[in-house]
Amino acid sequence: MYASCLAKKSLFTQEIQQIAAFNSILAWESQLNFNSQ
């Protein structure tokens, strides 16, 4: 029970990190587009 709870928590953390990385890439690209105009 405890191990599966930990596994879910680590998966959740990985998803959050992936979403954060994706958002930072989007922000970086929009910044580039803004600067190039």
Protein backbone atom coordinates (compact mmCIF):
# COMPACT_ATOMS: atom_id res chain seq x y z
CA MET A 1 0.00 0.00 0.00
CA TYR A 2 2.70 2.46 1.03
CA ALA A 3 4.94 1.52 -1.90
CA SER A 4 2.16 2.08 -4.44
CA CYS A 5 1.43 5.43 -2.83
CA LEU A 6 5.09 6.41 -3.22
CA ALA A 7 5.11 5.22 -6.82
CA LYS A 8 2.05 7.33 -7.61
CA LYS A 9 3.65 10.31 -5.93
CA SER A 10 6.86 9.99 -7.96
CA LEU A 11 4.87 9.62 -11.20
CA PHE A 12 2.91 12.72 -10.27
CA THR A 13 6.15 14.61 -9.59
CA GLN A 14 7.58 13.54 -12.96
CA GLU A 15 4.42 14.75 -14.71
CA ILE A 16 4.65 18.11 -12.96
CA GLN A 17 8.30 18.46 -13.99
CA GLN A 18 7.45 17.59 -17.60
CA ILE A 19 4.62 20.13 -17.64
CA ALA A 20 6.90 22.78 -16.14
CA ALA A 21 9.59 22.04 -18.72
CA PHE A 22 7.04 22.20 -21.52
CA ASN A 23 5.71 25.53 -20.22
CA SER A 24 9.20 26.99 -19.98
CA ILE A 25 9.91 25.93 -23.58
CA LEU A 26 6.67 27.58 -24.70
CA ALA A 27 7.54 30.74 -22.79
CA TRP A 28 11.04 30.73 -24.30
CA GLU A 29 9.66 30.31 -27.83
CA SER A 30 7.11 33.08 -27.38
CA GLN A 31 9.88 35.31 -26.02
CA LEU A 32 11.95 34.58 -29.14
CA ASN A 33 8.99 35.37 -31.39
CA PHE A 34 8.36 38.58 -29.48
CA ASN A 35 12.01 39.63 -29.78
CA SER A 36 12.22 38.87 -33.50
CA GLN A 37 9.31 41.15 -34.41
